[in-house]
Amino acid sequence: MVNQEIRNEIFEISENAVVFDSPAFDNSIIGIDVISDAVVYSYDLMVKELASEYIVDEKYIEQFKGEMSDDEFEAQCETDAMEFIDYNTLRALPYVANDPECIAPIIVGSTQMFDFIKKGDSEV
């Protein structure tokens, strides 16, 4: 959901800061980097924010809920949100970072992400 007040504050600090629009992850913003003026997002909050939109979306419910329990459906919403963010949002960041007039956002990873990386490093 777009929070115009937050966006106005961000653009007062940096008019070149990039904020996500589709979907807007304004409730997942955890700060602004003081060195680069980049908007900082929490990956975990992004997943929760998008999953919460899926949970109440009638078309999504109709297409995916089926015979799932509420807990299974909630887990499916989170999985779908992660896949959407990983594919559509994270993959776009290198392109934004290559634009000299834009300040690409920073996404702080999740604890699960760091656990996965640690496990991967220890197995090598």
PDB file of N, CA and C in Angstrom:
ATOM      1  N   MET A   1       0.840  -1.177   0.000  1.00  0.00           N
ATOM      2  CA  MET A   1       0.000   0.000   0.000  1.00  0.00           C
ATOM      3  C   MET A   1       0.887   1.244   0.000  1.00  0.00           C
ATOM      4  N   VAL A   2       0.527   2.194  -0.822  1.00  0.00           N
ATOM      5  CA  VAL A   2       1.301   3.428  -0.927  1.00  0.00           C
ATOM      6  C   VAL A   2       1.020   4.309   0.287  1.00  0.00           C
ATOM      7  N   ASN A   3       2.093   4.757   0.922  1.00  0.00           N
ATOM      8  CA  ASN A   3       1.994   5.673   2.049  1.00  0.00           C
ATOM      9  C   ASN A   3       2.648   6.982   1.597  1.00  0.00           C
ATOM     10  N   GLN A   4       1.831   7.922   1.177  1.00  0.00           N
ATOM     11  CA  GLN A   4       2.347   9.158   0.595  1.00  0.00           C
ATOM     12  C   GLN A   4       3.180   9.957   1.574  1.00  0.00           C
ATOM     13  N   GLU A   5       2.835   9.896   2.853  1.00  0.00           N
ATOM     14  CA  GLU A   5       3.607  10.628   3.861  1.00  0.00           C
ATOM     15  C   GLU A   5       5.050  10.115   3.921  1.00  0.00           C
ATOM     16  N   ILE A   6       5.207   8.809   3.922  1.00  0.00           N
ATOM     17  CA  ILE A   6       6.554   8.220   3.928  1.00  0.00           C
ATOM     18  C   ILE A   6       7.302   8.607   2.663  1.00  0.00           C
ATOM     19  N   ARG A   7       6.630   8.514   1.537  1.00  0.00           N
ATOM     20  CA  ARG A   7       7.278   8.852   0.267  1.00  0.00           C
ATOM     21  C   ARG A   7       7.703  10.317   0.219  1.00  0.00           C
ATOM     22  N   ASN A   8       6.879  11.199   0.729  1.00  0.00           N
ATOM     23  CA  ASN A   8       7.244  12.626   0.756  1.00  0.00           C
ATOM     24  C   ASN A   8       8.503  12.836   1.591  1.00  0.00           C
ATOM     25  N   GLU A   9       8.583  12.169   2.745  1.00  0.00           N
ATOM     26  CA  GLU A   9       9.770  12.293   3.590  1.00  0.00           C
ATOM     27  C   GLU A   9      11.016  11.767   2.877  1.00  0.00           C
ATOM     28  N   ILE A  10      10.870  10.648   2.180  1.00  0.00           N
ATOM     29  CA  ILE A  10      12.002  10.074   1.444  1.00  0.00           C
ATOM     30  C   ILE A  10      12.477  11.044   0.369  1.00  0.00           C
ATOM     31  N   PHE A  11      11.552  11.597  -0.401  1.00  0.00           N
ATOM     32  CA  PHE A  11      11.933  12.469  -1.504  1.00  0.00           C
ATOM     33  C   PHE A  11      12.444  13.825  -1.033  1.00  0.00           C
ATOM     34  N   GLU A  12      12.145  14.204   0.198  1.00  0.00           N
ATOM     35  CA  GLU A  12      12.763  15.398   0.772  1.00  0.00           C
ATOM     36  C   GLU A  12      14.252  15.160   1.016  1.00  0.00           C
ATOM     37  N   ILE A  13      14.594  13.941   1.379  1.00  0.00           N
ATOM     38  CA  ILE A  13      15.997  13.577   1.633  1.00  0.00           C
ATOM     39  C   ILE A  13      16.728  13.344   0.320  1.00  0.00           C
ATOM     40  N   SER A  14      16.079  12.625  -0.587  1.00  0.00           N
ATOM     41  CA  SER A  14      16.727  12.301  -1.856  1.00  0.00           C
ATOM     42  C   SER A  14      15.692  12.161  -2.962  1.00  0.00           C
ATOM     43  N   GLU A  15      15.720  13.096  -3.893  1.00  0.00           N
ATOM     44  CA  GLU A  15      14.747  13.035  -4.992  1.00  0.00           C
ATOM     45  C   GLU A  15      15.054  11.917  -5.979  1.00  0.00           C
ATOM     46  N   ASN A  16      16.267  11.328  -5.907  1.00  0.00           N
ATOM     47  CA  ASN A  16      16.639  10.247  -6.818  1.00  0.00           C
ATOM     48  C   ASN A  16      16.490   8.862  -6.208  1.00  0.00           C
ATOM     49  N   ALA A  17      15.986   8.806  -4.978  1.00  0.00           N
ATOM     50  CA  ALA A  17      15.794   7.500  -4.338  1.00  0.00           C
ATOM     51  C   ALA A  17      14.696   6.734  -5.066  1.00  0.00           C
ATOM     52  N   VAL A  18      14.911   5.452  -5.254  1.00  0.00           N
ATOM     53  CA  VAL A  18      13.920   4.604  -5.906  1.00  0.00           C
ATOM     54  C   VAL A  18      13.093   3.912  -4.824  1.00  0.00           C
ATOM     55  N   VAL A  19      11.774   4.006  -4.964  1.00  0.00           N
ATOM     56  CA  VAL A  19      10.856   3.275  -4.099  1.00  0.00           C
ATOM     57  C   VAL A  19      10.035   2.338  -4.988  1.00  0.00           C
ATOM     58  N   PHE A  20       9.673   1.212  -4.435  1.00  0.00           N
ATOM     59  CA  PHE A  20       8.904   0.237  -5.205  1.00  0.00           C
ATOM     60  C   PHE A  20       7.466   0.702  -5.364  1.00  0.00           C
ATOM     61  N   ASP A  21       6.903   0.471  -6.556  1.00  0.00           N
ATOM     62  CA  ASP A  21       5.544   0.896  -6.841  1.00  0.00           C
ATOM     63  C   ASP A  21       4.561  -0.231  -7.084  1.00  0.00           C
ATOM     64  N   SER A  22       4.983  -1.269  -7.719  1.00  0.00           N
ATOM     65  CA  SER A  22       4.016  -2.282  -8.130  1.00  0.00           C
ATOM     66  C   SER A  22       4.543  -3.682  -7.851  1.00  0.00           C
ATOM     67  N   PRO A  23       4.329  -4.200  -6.679  1.00  0.00           N
ATOM     68  CA  PRO A  23       3.564  -3.604  -5.588  1.00  0.00           C
ATOM     69  C   PRO A  23       4.408  -2.624  -4.784  1.00  0.00           C
ATOM     70  N   ALA A  24       3.714  -1.749  -4.088  1.00  0.00           N
ATOM     71  CA  ALA A  24       4.397  -0.807  -3.194  1.00  0.00           C
ATOM     72  C   ALA A  24       4.660  -1.526  -1.875  1.00  0.00           C
ATOM     73  N   PHE A  25       5.868  -1.434  -1.402  1.00  0.00           N
ATOM     74  CA  PHE A  25       6.240  -2.064  -0.140  1.00  0.00           C
ATOM     75  C   PHE A  25       6.539  -0.989   0.913  1.00  0.00           C
ATOM     76  N   ASP A  26       5.731   0.055   0.946  1.00  0.00           N
ATOM     77  CA  ASP A  26       5.999   1.176   1.840  1.00  0.00           C
ATOM     78  C   ASP A  26       6.009   0.771   3.312  1.00  0.00           C
ATOM     79  N   ASN A  27       5.200  -0.203   3.692  1.00  0.00           N
ATOM     80  CA  ASN A  27       5.186  -0.652   5.087  1.00  0.00           C
ATOM     81  C   ASN A  27       6.387  -1.529   5.423  1.00  0.00           C
ATOM     82  N   SER A  28       7.220  -1.821   4.449  1.00  0.00           N
ATOM     83  CA  SER A  28       8.419  -2.634   4.649  1.00  0.00           C
ATOM     84  C   SER A  28       9.688  -1.786   4.699  1.00  0.00           C
ATOM     85  N   ILE A  29       9.529  -0.478   4.578  1.00  0.00           N
ATOM     86  CA  ILE A  29      10.681   0.426   4.651  1.00  0.00           C
ATOM     87  C   ILE A  29      11.123   0.523   6.109  1.00  0.00           C
ATOM     88  N   ILE A  30      12.414   0.271   6.326  1.00  0.00           N
ATOM     89  CA  ILE A  30      12.931   0.332   7.695  1.00  0.00           C
ATOM     90  C   ILE A  30      13.899   1.490   7.893  1.00  0.00           C
ATOM     91  N   GLY A  31      14.174   2.240   6.841  1.00  0.00           N
ATOM     92  CA  GLY A  31      15.046   3.393   6.999  1.00  0.00           C
ATOM     93  C   GLY A  31      15.608   3.880   5.687  1.00  0.00           C
ATOM     94  N   ILE A  32      16.538   4.815   5.817  1.00  0.00           N
ATOM     95  CA  ILE A  32      17.264   5.357   4.668  1.00  0.00           C
ATOM     96  C   ILE A  32      18.748   5.293   5.011  1.00  0.00           C
ATOM     97  N   ASP A  33      19.540   4.775   4.090  1.00  0.00           N
ATOM     98  CA  ASP A  33      20.982   4.686   4.289  1.00  0.00           C
ATOM     99  C   ASP A  33      21.568   6.095   4.336  1.00  0.00           C
ATOM    100  N   VAL A  34      22.300   6.410   5.395  1.00  0.00           N
ATOM    101  CA  VAL A  34      22.808   7.775   5.579  1.00  0.00           C
ATOM    102  C   VAL A  34      23.941   8.122   4.623  1.00  0.00           C
ATOM    103  N   ILE A  35      24.593   7.121   4.070  1.00  0.00           N
ATOM    104  CA  ILE A  35      25.695   7.389   3.146  1.00  0.00           C
ATOM    105  C   ILE A  35      25.189   7.582   1.718  1.00  0.00           C
ATOM    106  N   SER A  36      24.344   6.673   1.266  1.00  0.00           N
ATOM    107  CA  SER A  36      23.912   6.723  -0.134  1.00  0.00           C
ATOM    108  C   SER A  36      22.533   7.348  -0.345  1.00  0.00           C
ATOM    109  N   ASP A  37      21.775   7.552   0.730  1.00  0.00           N
ATOM    110  CA  ASP A  37      20.386   8.009   0.666  1.00  0.00           C
ATOM    111  C   ASP A  37      19.456   6.979   0.035  1.00  0.00           C
ATOM    112  N   ALA A  38      19.881   5.721   0.000  1.00  0.00           N
ATOM    113  CA  ALA A  38      19.036   4.656  -0.540  1.00  0.00           C
ATOM    114  C   ALA A  38      17.966   4.271   0.472  1.00  0.00           C
ATOM    115  N   VAL A  39      16.791   3.968  -0.026  1.00  0.00           N
ATOM    116  CA  VAL A  39      15.714   3.470   0.820  1.00  0.00           C
ATOM    117  C   VAL A  39      16.067   2.035   1.217  1.00  0.00           C
ATOM    118  N   VAL A  40      15.877   1.707   2.492  1.00  0.00           N
ATOM    119  CA  VAL A  40      16.213   0.374   2.997  1.00  0.00           C
ATOM    120  C   VAL A  40      14.917  -0.354   3.329  1.00  0.00           C
ATOM    121  N   TYR A  41      14.777  -1.537   2.735  1.00  0.00           N
ATOM    122  CA  TYR A  41      13.600  -2.383   2.941  1.00  0.00           C
ATOM    123  C   TYR A  41      14.004  -3.644   3.704  1.00  0.00           C
ATOM    124  N   SER A  42      13.062  -4.200   4.440  1.00  0.00           N
ATOM    125  CA  SER A  42      13.240  -5.498   5.081  1.00  0.00           C
ATOM    126  C   SER A  42      12.604  -6.555   4.196  1.00  0.00           C
ATOM    127  N   TYR A  43      13.392  -7.550   3.798  1.00  0.00           N
ATOM    128  CA  TYR A  43      12.870  -8.644   2.970  1.00  0.00           C
ATOM    129  C   TYR A  43      11.731  -9.356   3.690  1.00  0.00           C
ATOM    130  N   ASP A  44      11.919  -9.652   4.976  1.00  0.00           N
ATOM    131  CA  ASP A  44      10.876 -10.352   5.738  1.00  0.00           C
ATOM    132  C   ASP A  44       9.573  -9.557   5.746  1.00  0.00           C
ATOM    133  N   LEU A  45       9.675  -8.247   5.956  1.00  0.00           N
ATOM    134  CA  LEU A  45       8.466  -7.427   5.963  1.00  0.00           C
ATOM    135  C   LEU A  45       7.836  -7.349   4.575  1.00  0.00           C
ATOM    136  N   MET A  46       8.652  -7.341   3.539  1.00  0.00           N
ATOM    137  CA  MET A  46       8.129  -7.339   2.170  1.00  0.00           C
ATOM    138  C   MET A  46       7.300  -8.598   1.924  1.00  0.00           C
ATOM    139  N   VAL A  47       7.841  -9.744   2.358  1.00  0.00           N
ATOM    140  CA  VAL A  47       7.123 -11.013   2.180  1.00  0.00           C
ATOM    141  C   VAL A  47       5.804 -10.973   2.945  1.00  0.00           C
ATOM    142  N   LYS A  48       5.847 -10.533   4.193  1.00  0.00           N
ATOM    143  CA  LYS A  48       4.617 -10.470   4.988  1.00  0.00           C
ATOM    144  C   LYS A  48       3.602  -9.509   4.377  1.00  0.00           C
ATOM    145  N   GLU A  49       4.090  -8.375   3.888  1.00  0.00           N
ATOM    146  CA  GLU A  49       3.190  -7.382   3.303  1.00  0.00           C
ATOM    147  C   GLU A  49       2.495  -7.921   2.055  1.00  0.00           C
ATOM    148  N   LEU A  50       3.256  -8.556   1.175  1.00  0.00           N
ATOM    149  CA  LEU A  50       2.661  -9.098  -0.046  1.00  0.00           C
ATOM    150  C   LEU A  50       1.770 -10.296   0.259  1.00  0.00           C
ATOM    151  N   ALA A  51       2.211 -11.180   1.146  1.00  0.00           N
ATOM    152  CA  ALA A  51       1.397 -12.345   1.517  1.00  0.00           C
ATOM    153  C   ALA A  51       0.068 -11.908   2.126  1.00  0.00           C
ATOM    154  N   SER A  52       0.084 -10.835   2.911  1.00  0.00           N
ATOM    155  CA  SER A  52      -1.167 -10.362   3.520  1.00  0.00           C
ATOM    156  C   SER A  52      -2.127  -9.833   2.455  1.00  0.00           C
ATOM    157  N   GLU A  53      -1.593  -9.325   1.343  1.00  0.00           N
ATOM    158  CA  GLU A  53      -2.461  -8.911   0.238  1.00  0.00           C
ATOM    159  C   GLU A  53      -3.056 -10.124  -0.467  1.00  0.00           C
ATOM    160  N   TYR A  54      -2.260 -11.184  -0.634  1.00  0.00           N
ATOM    161  CA  TYR A  54      -2.759 -12.409  -1.264  1.00  0.00           C
ATOM    162  C   TYR A  54      -3.882 -13.036  -0.442  1.00  0.00           C
ATOM    163  N   ILE A  55      -3.727 -13.026   0.889  1.00  0.00           N
ATOM    164  CA  ILE A  55      -4.672 -13.703   1.774  1.00  0.00           C
ATOM    165  C   ILE A  55      -6.088 -13.142   1.621  1.00  0.00           C
ATOM    166  N   VAL A  56      -6.224 -11.877   1.307  1.00  0.00           N
ATOM    167  CA  VAL A  56      -7.553 -11.260   1.181  1.00  0.00           C
ATOM    168  C   VAL A  56      -7.983 -11.035  -0.273  1.00  0.00           C
ATOM    169  N   ASP A  57      -7.142 -11.404  -1.219  1.00  0.00           N
ATOM    170  CA  ASP A  57      -7.469 -11.209  -2.628  1.00  0.00           C
ATOM    171  C   ASP A  57      -8.416 -12.324  -3.096  1.00  0.00           C
ATOM    172  N   GLU A  58      -9.633 -11.955  -3.457  1.00  0.00           N
ATOM    173  CA  GLU A  58     -10.652 -12.946  -3.801  1.00  0.00           C
ATOM    174  C   GLU A  58     -10.247 -13.824  -4.989  1.00  0.00           C
ATOM    175  N   LYS A  59      -9.645 -13.237  -6.012  1.00  0.00           N
ATOM    176  CA  LYS A  59      -9.213 -14.020  -7.173  1.00  0.00           C
ATOM    177  C   LYS A  59      -8.120 -15.015  -6.785  1.00  0.00           C
ATOM    178  N   TYR A  60      -7.183 -14.571  -5.946  1.00  0.00           N
ATOM    179  CA  TYR A  60      -6.104 -15.445  -5.489  1.00  0.00           C
ATOM    180  C   TYR A  60      -6.674 -16.591  -4.654  1.00  0.00           C
ATOM    181  N   ILE A  61      -7.602 -16.265  -3.760  1.00  0.00           N
ATOM    182  CA  ILE A  61      -8.224 -17.287  -2.912  1.00  0.00           C
ATOM    183  C   ILE A  61      -8.933 -18.316  -3.776  1.00  0.00           C
ATOM    184  N   GLU A  62      -9.710 -17.835  -4.734  1.00  0.00           N
ATOM    185  CA  GLU A  62     -10.463 -18.718  -5.615  1.00  0.00           C
ATOM    186  C   GLU A  62      -9.536 -19.643  -6.409  1.00  0.00           C
ATOM    187  N   GLN A  63      -8.412 -19.104  -6.858  1.00  0.00           N
ATOM    188  CA  GLN A  63      -7.495 -19.870  -7.690  1.00  0.00           C
ATOM    189  C   GLN A  63      -6.661 -20.871  -6.882  1.00  0.00           C
ATOM    190  N   PHE A  64      -6.260 -20.513  -5.662  1.00  0.00           N
ATOM    191  CA  PHE A  64      -5.265 -21.324  -4.967  1.00  0.00           C
ATOM    192  C   PHE A  64      -5.728 -22.006  -3.682  1.00  0.00           C
ATOM    193  N   LYS A  65      -6.746 -21.511  -2.993  1.00  0.00           N
ATOM    194  CA  LYS A  65      -7.085 -22.046  -1.671  1.00  0.00           C
ATOM    195  C   LYS A  65      -7.547 -23.493  -1.745  1.00  0.00           C
ATOM    196  N   GLY A  66      -8.529 -23.763  -2.585  1.00  0.00           N
ATOM    197  CA  GLY A  66      -9.020 -25.132  -2.716  1.00  0.00           C
ATOM    198  C   GLY A  66      -9.350 -25.756  -1.370  1.00  0.00           C
ATOM    199  N   GLU A  67      -8.785 -26.940  -1.128  1.00  0.00           N
ATOM    200  CA  GLU A  67      -9.043 -27.684   0.100  1.00  0.00           C
ATOM    201  C   GLU A  67      -7.991 -27.436   1.180  1.00  0.00           C
ATOM    202  N   MET A  68      -7.139 -26.445   0.988  1.00  0.00           N
ATOM    203  CA  MET A  68      -6.086 -26.175   1.969  1.00  0.00           C
ATOM    204  C   MET A  68      -6.677 -25.681   3.286  1.00  0.00           C
ATOM    205  N   SER A  69      -6.010 -26.035   4.372  1.00  0.00           N
ATOM    206  CA  SER A  69      -6.369 -25.446   5.666  1.00  0.00           C
ATOM    207  C   SER A  69      -5.904 -23.993   5.655  1.00  0.00           C
ATOM    208  N   ASP A  70      -6.343 -23.221   6.623  1.00  0.00           N
ATOM    209  CA  ASP A  70      -5.925 -21.820   6.700  1.00  0.00           C
ATOM    210  C   ASP A  70      -4.414 -21.701   6.864  1.00  0.00           C
ATOM    211  N   ASP A  71      -3.808 -22.586   7.680  1.00  0.00           N
ATOM    212  CA  ASP A  71      -2.354 -22.556   7.874  1.00  0.00           C
ATOM    213  C   ASP A  71      -1.606 -22.898   6.591  1.00  0.00           C
ATOM    214  N   GLU A  72      -2.113 -23.900   5.865  1.00  0.00           N
ATOM    215  CA  GLU A  72      -1.487 -24.271   4.592  1.00  0.00           C
ATOM    216  C   GLU A  72      -1.606 -23.139   3.576  1.00  0.00           C
ATOM    217  N   PHE A  73      -2.768 -22.508   3.549  1.00  0.00           N
ATOM    218  CA  PHE A  73      -2.986 -21.406   2.620  1.00  0.00           C
ATOM    219  C   PHE A  73      -2.081 -20.226   2.954  1.00  0.00           C
ATOM    220  N   GLU A  74      -1.938 -19.928   4.237  1.00  0.00           N
ATOM    221  CA  GLU A  74      -1.056 -18.837   4.657  1.00  0.00           C
ATOM    222  C   GLU A  74       0.391 -19.132   4.261  1.00  0.00           C
ATOM    223  N   ALA A  75       0.822 -20.370   4.444  1.00  0.00           N
ATOM    224  CA  ALA A  75       2.183 -20.759   4.045  1.00  0.00           C
ATOM    225  C   ALA A  75       2.348 -20.644   2.536  1.00  0.00           C
ATOM    226  N   GLN A  76       1.320 -21.018   1.782  1.00  0.00           N
ATOM    227  CA  GLN A  76       1.379 -20.907   0.319  1.00  0.00           C
ATOM    228  C   GLN A  76       1.464 -19.442  -0.100  1.00  0.00           C
ATOM    229  N   CYS A  77       0.734 -18.584   0.582  1.00  0.00           N
ATOM    230  CA  CYS A  77       0.782 -17.145   0.286  1.00  0.00           C
ATOM    231  C   CYS A  77       2.195 -16.612   0.510  1.00  0.00           C
ATOM    232  N   GLU A  78       2.833 -17.017   1.599  1.00  0.00           N
ATOM    233  CA  GLU A  78       4.200 -16.570   1.878  1.00  0.00           C
ATOM    234  C   GLU A  78       5.176 -17.093   0.833  1.00  0.00           C
ATOM    235  N   THR A  79       5.022 -18.353   0.440  1.00  0.00           N
ATOM    236  CA  THR A  79       5.891 -18.920  -0.589  1.00  0.00           C
ATOM    237  C   THR A  79       5.733 -18.171  -1.905  1.00  0.00           C
ATOM    238  N   ASP A  80       4.498 -17.918  -2.294  1.00  0.00           N
ATOM    239  CA  ASP A  80       4.241 -17.185  -3.536  1.00  0.00           C
ATOM    240  C   ASP A  80       4.781 -15.763  -3.454  1.00  0.00           C
ATOM    241  N   ALA A  81       4.656 -15.137  -2.295  1.00  0.00           N
ATOM    242  CA  ALA A  81       5.186 -13.782  -2.117  1.00  0.00           C
ATOM    243  C   ALA A  81       6.708 -13.783  -2.267  1.00  0.00           C
ATOM    244  N   MET A  82       7.381 -14.770  -1.658  1.00  0.00           N
ATOM    245  CA  MET A  82       8.845 -14.863  -1.788  1.00  0.00           C
ATOM    246  C   MET A  82       9.245 -15.051  -3.247  1.00  0.00           C
ATOM    247  N   GLU A  83       8.546 -15.937  -3.943  1.00  0.00           N
ATOM    248  CA  GLU A  83       8.868 -16.181  -5.351  1.00  0.00           C
ATOM    249  C   GLU A  83       8.668 -14.922  -6.185  1.00  0.00           C
ATOM    250  N   PHE A  84       7.582 -14.197  -5.927  1.00  0.00           N
ATOM    251  CA  PHE A  84       7.323 -12.962  -6.671  1.00  0.00           C
ATOM    252  C   PHE A  84       8.430 -11.945  -6.411  1.00  0.00           C
ATOM    253  N   ILE A  85       8.771 -11.740  -5.149  1.00  0.00           N
ATOM    254  CA  ILE A  85       9.788 -10.748  -4.794  1.00  0.00           C
ATOM    255  C   ILE A  85      11.147 -11.149  -5.360  1.00  0.00           C
ATOM    256  N   ASP A  86      11.505 -12.412  -5.207  1.00  0.00           N
ATOM    257  CA  ASP A  86      12.801 -12.875  -5.712  1.00  0.00           C
ATOM    258  C   ASP A  86      12.909 -12.697  -7.223  1.00  0.00           C
ATOM    259  N   TYR A  87      11.859 -13.048  -7.940  1.00  0.00           N
ATOM    260  CA  TYR A  87      11.916 -13.013  -9.394  1.00  0.00           C
ATOM    261  C   TYR A  87      11.686 -11.614  -9.966  1.00  0.00           C
ATOM    262  N   ASN A  88      10.692 -10.915  -9.457  1.00  0.00           N
ATOM    263  CA  ASN A  88      10.289  -9.640 -10.069  1.00  0.00           C
ATOM    264  C   ASN A  88      10.935  -8.408  -9.449  1.00  0.00           C
ATOM    265  N   THR A  89      11.336  -8.493  -8.196  1.00  0.00           N
ATOM    266  CA  THR A  89      11.865  -7.309  -7.517  1.00  0.00           C
ATOM    267  C   THR A  89      13.381  -7.374  -7.397  1.00  0.00           C
ATOM    268  N   LEU A  90      13.885  -8.441  -6.800  1.00  0.00           N
ATOM    269  CA  LEU A  90      15.334  -8.543  -6.603  1.00  0.00           C
ATOM    270  C   LEU A  90      16.089  -8.582  -7.927  1.00  0.00           C
ATOM    271  N   ARG A  91      15.525  -9.246  -8.912  1.00  0.00           N
ATOM    272  CA  ARG A  91      16.197  -9.321 -10.216  1.00  0.00           C
ATOM    273  C   ARG A  91      16.257  -7.980 -10.933  1.00  0.00           C
ATOM    274  N   ALA A  92      15.411  -7.034 -10.559  1.00  0.00           N
ATOM    275  CA  ALA A  92      15.410  -5.711 -11.194  1.00  0.00           C
ATOM    276  C   ALA A  92      16.465  -4.783 -10.598  1.00  0.00           C
ATOM    277  N   LEU A  93      16.942  -5.084  -9.404  1.00  0.00           N
ATOM    278  CA  LEU A  93      17.866  -4.169  -8.726  1.00  0.00           C
ATOM    279  C   LEU A  93      19.150  -3.875  -9.502  1.00  0.00           C
ATOM    280  N   PRO A  94      19.786  -4.858 -10.138  1.00  0.00           N
ATOM    281  CA  PRO A  94      21.006  -4.514 -10.896  1.00  0.00           C
ATOM    282  C   PRO A  94      20.758  -3.508 -12.019  1.00  0.00           C
ATOM    283  N   TYR A  95      19.586  -3.549 -12.621  1.00  0.00           N
ATOM    284  CA  TYR A  95      19.270  -2.608 -13.695  1.00  0.00           C
ATOM    285  C   TYR A  95      19.084  -1.197 -13.137  1.00  0.00           C
ATOM    286  N   VAL A  96      18.443  -1.110 -11.991  1.00  0.00           N
ATOM    287  CA  VAL A  96      18.264   0.189 -11.347  1.00  0.00           C
ATOM    288  C   VAL A  96      19.615   0.749 -10.917  1.00  0.00           C
ATOM    289  N   ALA A  97      20.467  -0.127 -10.376  1.00  0.00           N
ATOM    290  CA  ALA A  97      21.782   0.308  -9.887  1.00  0.00           C
ATOM    291  C   ALA A  97      22.662   0.833 -11.016  1.00  0.00           C
ATOM    292  N   ASN A  98      22.415   0.403 -12.252  1.00  0.00           N
ATOM    293  CA  ASN A  98      23.208   0.857 -13.393  1.00  0.00           C
ATOM    294  C   ASN A  98      22.789   2.228 -13.905  1.00  0.00           C
ATOM    295  N   ASP A  99      21.676   2.740 -13.426  1.00  0.00           N
ATOM    296  CA  ASP A  99      21.220   4.056 -13.842  1.00  0.00           C
ATOM    297  C   ASP A  99      21.862   5.104 -12.934  1.00  0.00           C
ATOM    298  N   PRO A 100      22.751   5.945 -13.474  1.00  0.00           N
ATOM    299  CA  PRO A 100      23.475   6.902 -12.623  1.00  0.00           C
ATOM    300  C   PRO A 100      22.576   7.953 -11.965  1.00  0.00           C
ATOM    301  N   GLU A 101      21.357   8.123 -12.464  1.00  0.00           N
ATOM    302  CA  GLU A 101      20.463   9.113 -11.877  1.00  0.00           C
ATOM    303  C   GLU A 101      19.561   8.541 -10.793  1.00  0.00           C
ATOM    304  N   CYS A 102      19.663   7.235 -10.547  1.00  0.00           N
ATOM    305  CA  CYS A 102      18.808   6.587  -9.553  1.00  0.00           C
ATOM    306  C   CYS A 102      19.645   6.061  -8.391  1.00  0.00           C
ATOM    307  N   ILE A 103      19.048   6.094  -7.222  1.00  0.00           N
ATOM    308  CA  ILE A 103      19.674   5.497  -6.047  1.00  0.00           C
ATOM    309  C   ILE A 103      18.885   4.229  -5.741  1.00  0.00           C
ATOM    310  N   ALA A 104      19.468   3.098  -6.079  1.00  0.00           N
ATOM    311  CA  ALA A 104      18.787   1.811  -5.935  1.00  0.00           C
ATOM    312  C   ALA A 104      18.514   1.504  -4.468  1.00  0.00           C
ATOM    313  N   PRO A 105      17.361   0.919  -4.189  1.00  0.00           N
ATOM    314  CA  PRO A 105      17.055   0.552  -2.809  1.00  0.00           C
ATOM    315  C   PRO A 105      17.945  -0.586  -2.312  1.00  0.00           C
ATOM    316  N   ILE A 106      18.020  -0.685  -1.000  1.00  0.00           N
ATOM    317  CA  ILE A 106      18.756  -1.760  -0.344  1.00  0.00           C
ATOM    318  C   ILE A 106      17.720  -2.657   0.318  1.00  0.00           C
ATOM    319  N   ILE A 107      17.865  -3.955   0.135  1.00  0.00           N
ATOM    320  CA  ILE A 107      16.965  -4.899   0.792  1.00  0.00           C
ATOM    321  C   ILE A 107      17.781  -5.710   1.778  1.00  0.00           C
ATOM    322  N   VAL A 108      17.401  -5.596   3.039  1.00  0.00           N
ATOM    323  CA  VAL A 108      18.086  -6.321   4.098  1.00  0.00           C
ATOM    324  C   VAL A 108      17.504  -7.724   4.135  1.00  0.00           C
ATOM    325  N   GLY A 109      18.380  -8.729   4.047  1.00  0.00           N
ATOM    326  CA  GLY A 109      17.942 -10.121   3.977  1.00  0.00           C
ATOM    327  C   GLY A 109      17.336 -10.639   5.256  1.00  0.00           C
ATOM    328  N   SER A 110      16.701 -11.781   5.116  1.00  0.00           N
ATOM    329  CA  SER A 110      16.040 -12.408   6.248  1.00  0.00           C
ATOM    330  C   SER A 110      16.990 -13.318   7.007  1.00  0.00           C
ATOM    331  N   THR A 111      16.596 -13.671   8.211  1.00  0.00           N
ATOM    332  CA  THR A 111      17.356 -14.618   9.012  1.00  0.00           C
ATOM    333  C   THR A 111      17.444 -15.952   8.284  1.00  0.00           C
ATOM    334  N   GLN A 112      16.350 -16.376   7.662  1.00  0.00           N
ATOM    335  CA  GLN A 112      16.352 -17.635   6.915  1.00  0.00           C
ATOM    336  C   GLN A 112      17.363 -17.581   5.776  1.00  0.00           C
ATOM    337  N   MET A 113      17.460 -16.433   5.122  1.00  0.00           N
ATOM    338  CA  MET A 113      18.401 -16.267   4.026  1.00  0.00           C
ATOM    339  C   MET A 113      19.831 -16.457   4.532  1.00  0.00           C
ATOM    340  N   PHE A 114      20.130 -15.833   5.673  1.00  0.00           N
ATOM    341  CA  PHE A 114      21.472 -15.937   6.228  1.00  0.00           C
ATOM    342  C   PHE A 114      21.757 -17.354   6.708  1.00  0.00           C
ATOM    343  N   ASP A 115      20.752 -18.027   7.280  1.00  0.00           N
ATOM    344  CA  ASP A 115      20.935 -19.417   7.695  1.00  0.00           C
ATOM    345  C   ASP A 115      21.257 -20.295   6.496  1.00  0.00           C
ATOM    346  N   PHE A 116      20.571 -20.051   5.379  1.00  0.00           N
ATOM    347  CA  PHE A 116      20.813 -20.827   4.166  1.00  0.00           C
ATOM    348  C   PHE A 116      22.242 -20.602   3.661  1.00  0.00           C
ATOM    349  N   ILE A 117      22.686 -19.363   3.672  1.00  0.00           N
ATOM    350  CA  ILE A 117      24.034 -19.046   3.209  1.00  0.00           C
ATOM    351  C   ILE A 117      25.064 -19.698   4.103  1.00  0.00           C
ATOM    352  N   LYS A 118      24.865 -19.646   5.420  1.00  0.00           N
ATOM    353  CA  LYS A 118      25.792 -20.270   6.358  1.00  0.00           C
ATOM    354  C   LYS A 118      25.862 -21.774   6.129  1.00  0.00           C
ATOM    355  N   LYS A 119      24.717 -22.408   5.945  1.00  0.00           N
ATOM    356  CA  LYS A 119      24.687 -23.854   5.711  1.00  0.00           C
ATOM    357  C   LYS A 119      25.417 -24.177   4.412  1.00  0.00           C
ATOM    358  N   GLY A 120      25.195 -23.365   3.401  1.00  0.00           N
ATOM    359  CA  GLY A 120      25.855 -23.590   2.112  1.00  0.00           C
ATOM    360  C   GLY A 120      27.360 -23.456   2.230  1.00  0.00           C
ATOM    361  N   ASP A 121      27.831 -22.454   2.985  1.00  0.00           N
ATOM    362  CA  ASP A 121      29.274 -22.255   3.161  1.00  0.00           C
ATOM    363  C   ASP A 121      29.906 -23.383   3.943  1.00  0.00           C
ATOM    364  N   SER A 122      29.213 -23.909   4.948  1.00  0.00           N
ATOM    365  CA  SER A 122      29.812 -24.946   5.779  1.00  0.00           C
ATOM    366  C   SER A 122      29.891 -26.277   5.054  1.00  0.00           C
ATOM    367  N   GLU A 123      29.060 -26.473   4.035  1.00  0.00           N
ATOM    368  CA  GLU A 123      29.070 -27.726   3.316  1.00  0.00           C
ATOM    369  C   GLU A 123      30.121 -27.757   2.214  1.00  0.00           C
ATOM    370  N   VAL A 124      30.640 -26.610   1.852  1.00  0.00           N
ATOM    371  CA  VAL A 124      31.609 -26.524   0.755  1.00  0.00           C
ATOM    372  C   VAL A 124      32.959 -26.971   1.209  1.00  0.00           C
TER     373      VAL A 124
END
